[in-house]
Amino acid sequence: MPERELVTVREWGWCRGWLGIPYPCRKTVEEWRWCYDFSHARHRCFGFVQQFEACEDGIEYHYTTGCFGWWHSWHLSSSPFTKCFTDRLEEQGECSPWGDFPDPGDFA
């Protein structure tokens, strides 16, 4: 089940340098985000867009991130990971019995 957590996020902003001249810099801010503990996922990249289909507690979620490359076939990730989002993700249905995913026990 996704939970709302206060996380530290890095973002680009403007800093003032020598003689007050602004320059781009990375800053950290704290924001409330929806965090998901995914048990496994599959992903593929199309140029600059990476598609993810991930499972948390038997529910499948889809999201996209940035990437650089091209691989049309799905790559599997069996390692658990946490990902946080500004908005809640839409549930895509059940992952059981892992849908198109291999059984996570196959990776052990």
N, C-alpha and C. Protein backbone atom coordinates (compact mmCIF):
# COMPACT_ATOMS: atom_id res chain seq x y z
N MET A 1 0.85 -1.18 0.00
CA MET A 1 0.00 0.00 0.00
C MET A 1 0.90 1.24 0.00
N PRO A 2 0.69 2.15 -0.92
CA PRO A 2 1.52 3.35 -0.93
C PRO A 2 1.31 4.20 0.33
N GLU A 3 2.39 4.82 0.77
CA GLU A 3 2.31 5.69 1.94
C GLU A 3 2.86 7.06 1.60
N ARG A 4 2.31 8.07 2.24
CA ARG A 4 2.77 9.43 2.03
C ARG A 4 3.92 9.70 3.00
N GLU A 5 5.07 10.11 2.44
CA GLU A 5 6.25 10.32 3.25
C GLU A 5 6.90 11.65 2.90
N LEU A 6 7.59 12.23 3.87
CA LEU A 6 8.35 13.44 3.65
C LEU A 6 9.74 13.02 3.16
N VAL A 7 10.07 13.36 1.90
CA VAL A 7 11.34 12.94 1.31
C VAL A 7 12.14 14.16 0.88
N THR A 8 13.45 13.99 0.81
CA THR A 8 14.34 15.04 0.33
C THR A 8 14.51 14.88 -1.17
N VAL A 9 14.25 15.95 -1.92
CA VAL A 9 14.29 15.92 -3.37
C VAL A 9 15.34 16.93 -3.85
N ARG A 10 16.14 16.51 -4.84
CA ARG A 10 17.11 17.43 -5.44
C ARG A 10 16.48 18.04 -6.68
N GLU A 11 16.63 19.35 -6.82
CA GLU A 11 16.07 20.04 -7.99
C GLU A 11 17.01 21.16 -8.42
N TRP A 12 16.85 21.58 -9.67
CA TRP A 12 17.65 22.68 -10.19
C TRP A 12 17.04 24.01 -9.77
N GLY A 13 17.91 24.95 -9.43
CA GLY A 13 17.48 26.29 -9.07
C GLY A 13 18.57 27.29 -9.42
N TRP A 14 18.45 28.50 -8.91
CA TRP A 14 19.44 29.54 -9.17
C TRP A 14 20.11 29.93 -7.87
N CYS A 15 21.44 30.02 -7.91
CA CYS A 15 22.23 30.49 -6.78
C CYS A 15 22.91 31.80 -7.18
N ARG A 16 23.34 32.53 -6.18
CA ARG A 16 24.06 33.78 -6.45
C ARG A 16 25.54 33.55 -6.19
N GLY A 17 26.33 33.90 -7.16
CA GLY A 17 27.77 33.71 -7.06
C GLY A 17 28.50 35.01 -6.80
N TRP A 18 29.73 35.05 -7.27
CA TRP A 18 30.60 36.20 -7.09
C TRP A 18 29.95 37.44 -7.69
N LEU A 19 29.90 38.52 -6.99
CA LEU A 19 29.27 39.79 -7.39
C LEU A 19 27.77 39.65 -7.64
N GLY A 20 27.16 38.63 -7.03
CA GLY A 20 25.72 38.44 -7.16
C GLY A 20 25.27 37.90 -8.50
N ILE A 21 26.19 37.37 -9.30
CA ILE A 21 25.84 36.83 -10.62
C ILE A 21 25.16 35.47 -10.44
N PRO A 22 23.94 35.32 -10.95
CA PRO A 22 23.23 34.04 -10.78
C PRO A 22 23.82 32.95 -11.67
N TYR A 23 23.77 31.72 -11.15
CA TYR A 23 24.20 30.55 -11.92
C TYR A 23 23.32 29.37 -11.53
N PRO A 24 23.11 28.42 -12.44
CA PRO A 24 22.27 27.25 -12.12
C PRO A 24 22.97 26.34 -11.11
N CYS A 25 22.21 25.83 -10.16
CA CYS A 25 22.78 24.93 -9.15
C CYS A 25 21.72 23.95 -8.66
N ARG A 26 22.17 22.87 -8.05
CA ARG A 26 21.25 21.88 -7.47
C ARG A 26 20.95 22.24 -6.03
N LYS A 27 19.69 22.17 -5.65
CA LYS A 27 19.27 22.44 -4.28
C LYS A 27 18.47 21.25 -3.78
N THR A 28 18.37 21.12 -2.48
CA THR A 28 17.54 20.07 -1.89
C THR A 28 16.37 20.72 -1.16
N VAL A 29 15.20 20.12 -1.30
CA VAL A 29 14.00 20.56 -0.60
C VAL A 29 13.29 19.32 -0.07
N GLU A 30 12.49 19.51 0.95
CA GLU A 30 11.68 18.40 1.47
C GLU A 30 10.26 18.55 0.96
N GLU A 31 9.72 17.46 0.44
CA GLU A 31 8.36 17.44 -0.10
C GLU A 31 7.65 16.17 0.33
N TRP A 32 6.33 16.27 0.42
CA TRP A 32 5.51 15.09 0.68
C TRP A 32 5.29 14.37 -0.63
N ARG A 33 5.57 13.07 -0.66
CA ARG A 33 5.42 12.24 -1.86
C ARG A 33 4.74 10.93 -1.50
N TRP A 34 4.15 10.29 -2.52
CA TRP A 34 3.58 8.96 -2.38
C TRP A 34 4.69 7.96 -2.70
N CYS A 35 5.02 7.11 -1.74
CA CYS A 35 6.12 6.16 -1.91
C CYS A 35 5.58 4.73 -2.01
N TYR A 36 6.14 4.00 -2.95
CA TYR A 36 5.74 2.62 -3.23
C TYR A 36 6.94 1.71 -3.01
N ASP A 37 6.73 0.58 -2.36
CA ASP A 37 7.76 -0.44 -2.16
C ASP A 37 7.49 -1.57 -3.15
N PHE A 38 8.10 -1.47 -4.33
CA PHE A 38 7.87 -2.45 -5.38
C PHE A 38 8.70 -3.70 -5.13
N SER A 39 8.08 -4.86 -5.33
CA SER A 39 8.79 -6.13 -5.14
C SER A 39 9.56 -6.52 -6.40
N HIS A 40 9.04 -6.19 -7.56
CA HIS A 40 9.71 -6.49 -8.83
C HIS A 40 9.08 -5.64 -9.93
N ALA A 41 9.79 -5.53 -11.05
CA ALA A 41 9.31 -4.68 -12.14
C ALA A 41 9.91 -5.16 -13.46
N ARG A 42 9.36 -4.63 -14.53
CA ARG A 42 9.98 -4.79 -15.84
C ARG A 42 9.98 -3.43 -16.50
N HIS A 43 10.96 -3.19 -17.37
CA HIS A 43 11.09 -1.86 -17.96
C HIS A 43 11.72 -1.98 -19.34
N ARG A 44 11.47 -0.94 -20.15
CA ARG A 44 12.08 -0.81 -21.47
C ARG A 44 12.21 0.67 -21.79
N CYS A 45 13.16 0.98 -22.70
CA CYS A 45 13.49 2.37 -23.01
C CYS A 45 13.28 2.64 -24.49
N PHE A 46 12.66 3.77 -24.79
CA PHE A 46 12.46 4.22 -26.17
C PHE A 46 13.04 5.62 -26.30
N GLY A 47 14.32 5.72 -26.62
CA GLY A 47 14.95 7.03 -26.79
C GLY A 47 15.17 7.74 -25.48
N PHE A 48 14.19 8.55 -25.05
CA PHE A 48 14.32 9.31 -23.81
C PHE A 48 13.23 8.96 -22.79
N VAL A 49 12.36 7.98 -23.10
CA VAL A 49 11.26 7.61 -22.21
C VAL A 49 11.40 6.15 -21.81
N GLN A 50 11.40 5.89 -20.51
CA GLN A 50 11.48 4.54 -20.00
C GLN A 50 10.14 4.17 -19.37
N GLN A 51 9.57 3.07 -19.83
CA GLN A 51 8.29 2.58 -19.31
C GLN A 51 8.55 1.54 -18.23
N PHE A 52 7.82 1.65 -17.13
CA PHE A 52 7.91 0.68 -16.04
C PHE A 52 6.54 0.07 -15.79
N GLU A 53 6.52 -1.21 -15.52
CA GLU A 53 5.37 -1.93 -14.98
C GLU A 53 5.88 -2.61 -13.72
N ALA A 54 5.39 -2.18 -12.57
CA ALA A 54 5.93 -2.65 -11.30
C ALA A 54 4.81 -3.15 -10.39
N CYS A 55 5.17 -4.05 -9.47
CA CYS A 55 4.18 -4.64 -8.56
C CYS A 55 4.49 -4.30 -7.11
N GLU A 56 3.43 -3.91 -6.39
CA GLU A 56 3.52 -3.69 -4.96
C GLU A 56 2.33 -4.39 -4.31
N ASP A 57 2.60 -5.30 -3.41
CA ASP A 57 1.54 -6.03 -2.70
C ASP A 57 0.51 -6.63 -3.64
N GLY A 58 0.96 -7.18 -4.77
CA GLY A 58 0.06 -7.84 -5.71
C GLY A 58 -0.70 -6.92 -6.63
N ILE A 59 -0.47 -5.61 -6.55
CA ILE A 59 -1.13 -4.63 -7.42
C ILE A 59 -0.10 -4.11 -8.42
N GLU A 60 -0.50 -4.04 -9.69
CA GLU A 60 0.40 -3.56 -10.74
C GLU A 60 0.20 -2.06 -10.97
N TYR A 61 1.32 -1.34 -11.14
CA TYR A 61 1.31 0.09 -11.41
C TYR A 61 2.19 0.35 -12.63
N HIS A 62 1.84 1.36 -13.42
CA HIS A 62 2.65 1.77 -14.58
C HIS A 62 3.10 3.20 -14.39
N TYR A 63 4.35 3.47 -14.77
CA TYR A 63 4.86 4.85 -14.74
C TYR A 63 6.00 4.98 -15.73
N THR A 64 6.38 6.22 -16.04
CA THR A 64 7.48 6.47 -16.96
C THR A 64 8.52 7.36 -16.30
N THR A 65 9.76 7.21 -16.73
CA THR A 65 10.86 8.05 -16.29
C THR A 65 11.71 8.38 -17.52
N GLY A 66 12.76 9.12 -17.32
CA GLY A 66 13.66 9.44 -18.41
C GLY A 66 14.75 8.38 -18.55
N CYS A 67 15.29 8.25 -19.76
CA CYS A 67 16.39 7.34 -20.04
C CYS A 67 17.09 7.81 -21.29
N PHE A 68 18.19 7.19 -21.62
CA PHE A 68 18.87 7.48 -22.87
C PHE A 68 19.31 6.15 -23.46
N GLY A 69 18.69 5.75 -24.54
CA GLY A 69 19.01 4.47 -25.16
C GLY A 69 17.82 3.93 -25.91
N TRP A 70 17.94 2.67 -26.29
CA TRP A 70 16.85 2.03 -27.01
C TRP A 70 16.90 0.54 -26.77
N TRP A 71 15.94 0.01 -26.04
CA TRP A 71 15.76 -1.43 -25.96
C TRP A 71 14.27 -1.70 -25.92
N HIS A 72 13.82 -2.40 -26.96
CA HIS A 72 12.40 -2.64 -27.14
C HIS A 72 11.89 -3.77 -26.23
N SER A 73 12.74 -4.78 -26.01
CA SER A 73 12.30 -5.91 -25.18
C SER A 73 12.30 -5.50 -23.71
N TRP A 74 11.46 -6.15 -22.94
CA TRP A 74 11.34 -5.86 -21.51
C TRP A 74 12.54 -6.42 -20.76
N HIS A 75 13.06 -5.68 -19.80
CA HIS A 75 14.11 -6.13 -18.90
C HIS A 75 13.48 -6.30 -17.53
N LEU A 76 13.81 -7.39 -16.87
CA LEU A 76 13.21 -7.70 -15.57
C LEU A 76 14.10 -7.25 -14.43
N SER A 77 13.49 -6.73 -13.38
CA SER A 77 14.19 -6.36 -12.16
C SER A 77 13.52 -7.11 -11.02
N SER A 78 14.24 -8.05 -10.42
CA SER A 78 13.66 -8.83 -9.33
C SER A 78 14.03 -8.29 -7.96
N SER A 79 14.86 -7.26 -7.92
CA SER A 79 15.26 -6.67 -6.64
C SER A 79 14.20 -5.68 -6.17
N PRO A 80 13.80 -5.77 -4.91
CA PRO A 80 12.84 -4.80 -4.37
C PRO A 80 13.43 -3.39 -4.39
N PHE A 81 12.57 -2.39 -4.63
CA PHE A 81 13.02 -1.00 -4.63
C PHE A 81 11.87 -0.09 -4.25
N THR A 82 12.21 1.09 -3.76
CA THR A 82 11.22 2.10 -3.37
C THR A 82 11.31 3.26 -4.35
N LYS A 83 10.15 3.73 -4.80
CA LYS A 83 10.07 4.87 -5.72
C LYS A 83 8.98 5.79 -5.22
N CYS A 84 9.24 7.10 -5.19
CA CYS A 84 8.28 8.08 -4.68
C CYS A 84 7.81 9.00 -5.80
N PHE A 85 6.54 9.39 -5.76
CA PHE A 85 5.91 10.19 -6.80
C PHE A 85 5.13 11.34 -6.17
N THR A 86 5.00 12.44 -6.91
CA THR A 86 4.22 13.58 -6.45
C THR A 86 2.75 13.21 -6.28
N ASP A 87 2.20 12.48 -7.25
CA ASP A 87 0.80 12.06 -7.22
C ASP A 87 0.72 10.54 -7.09
N ARG A 88 -0.43 10.08 -6.63
CA ARG A 88 -0.65 8.63 -6.54
C ARG A 88 -0.72 8.03 -7.94
N LEU A 89 -0.21 6.81 -8.06
CA LEU A 89 -0.30 6.09 -9.32
C LEU A 89 -1.64 5.38 -9.41
N GLU A 90 -2.12 5.21 -10.62
CA GLU A 90 -3.38 4.51 -10.84
C GLU A 90 -3.13 3.00 -10.83
N GLU A 91 -3.97 2.28 -10.09
CA GLU A 91 -3.86 0.82 -10.04
C GLU A 91 -4.26 0.24 -11.39
N GLN A 92 -3.46 -0.72 -11.89
CA GLN A 92 -3.72 -1.34 -13.18
C GLN A 92 -4.32 -2.72 -13.06
N GLY A 93 -4.56 -3.18 -11.84
CA GLY A 93 -5.12 -4.51 -11.62
C GLY A 93 -4.18 -5.34 -10.78
N GLU A 94 -4.46 -6.63 -10.72
CA GLU A 94 -3.66 -7.53 -9.90
C GLU A 94 -2.43 -8.02 -10.64
N CYS A 95 -1.37 -8.25 -9.89
CA CYS A 95 -0.16 -8.86 -10.44
C CYS A 95 -0.19 -10.37 -10.28
N SER A 96 -1.11 -10.88 -9.52
CA SER A 96 -1.08 -12.31 -9.25
C SER A 96 -1.81 -13.10 -10.32
N PRO A 97 -1.35 -14.29 -10.65
CA PRO A 97 -0.10 -14.82 -10.11
C PRO A 97 1.11 -14.29 -10.85
N TRP A 98 1.36 -13.03 -10.73
CA TRP A 98 2.45 -12.30 -11.34
C TRP A 98 2.18 -11.94 -12.78
N GLY A 99 0.96 -12.10 -13.27
CA GLY A 99 0.59 -11.66 -14.61
C GLY A 99 1.59 -12.13 -15.64
N ASP A 100 2.15 -11.21 -16.41
CA ASP A 100 3.16 -11.55 -17.41
C ASP A 100 4.55 -11.64 -16.81
N PHE A 101 4.66 -11.39 -15.50
CA PHE A 101 5.95 -11.45 -14.85
C PHE A 101 6.31 -12.88 -14.50
N PRO A 102 7.60 -13.21 -14.51
CA PRO A 102 8.00 -14.51 -13.97
C PRO A 102 7.78 -14.53 -12.46
N ASP A 103 7.62 -15.69 -11.88
CA ASP A 103 7.48 -15.81 -10.45
C ASP A 103 8.78 -15.35 -9.80
N PRO A 104 8.72 -14.44 -8.79
CA PRO A 104 9.94 -13.94 -8.16
C PRO A 104 10.80 -15.06 -7.57
N GLY A 105 10.21 -16.20 -7.22
CA GLY A 105 10.98 -17.32 -6.71
C GLY A 105 11.94 -17.88 -7.74
N ASP A 106 11.69 -17.63 -9.01
CA ASP A 106 12.58 -18.12 -10.07
C ASP A 106 13.93 -17.42 -10.04
N PHE A 107 14.01 -16.26 -9.36
CA PHE A 107 15.25 -15.50 -9.33
C PHE A 107 16.10 -15.85 -8.12
N ALA A 108 15.54 -16.57 -7.16
CA ALA A 108 16.26 -16.85 -5.91
C ALA A 108 17.39 -17.82 -6.11
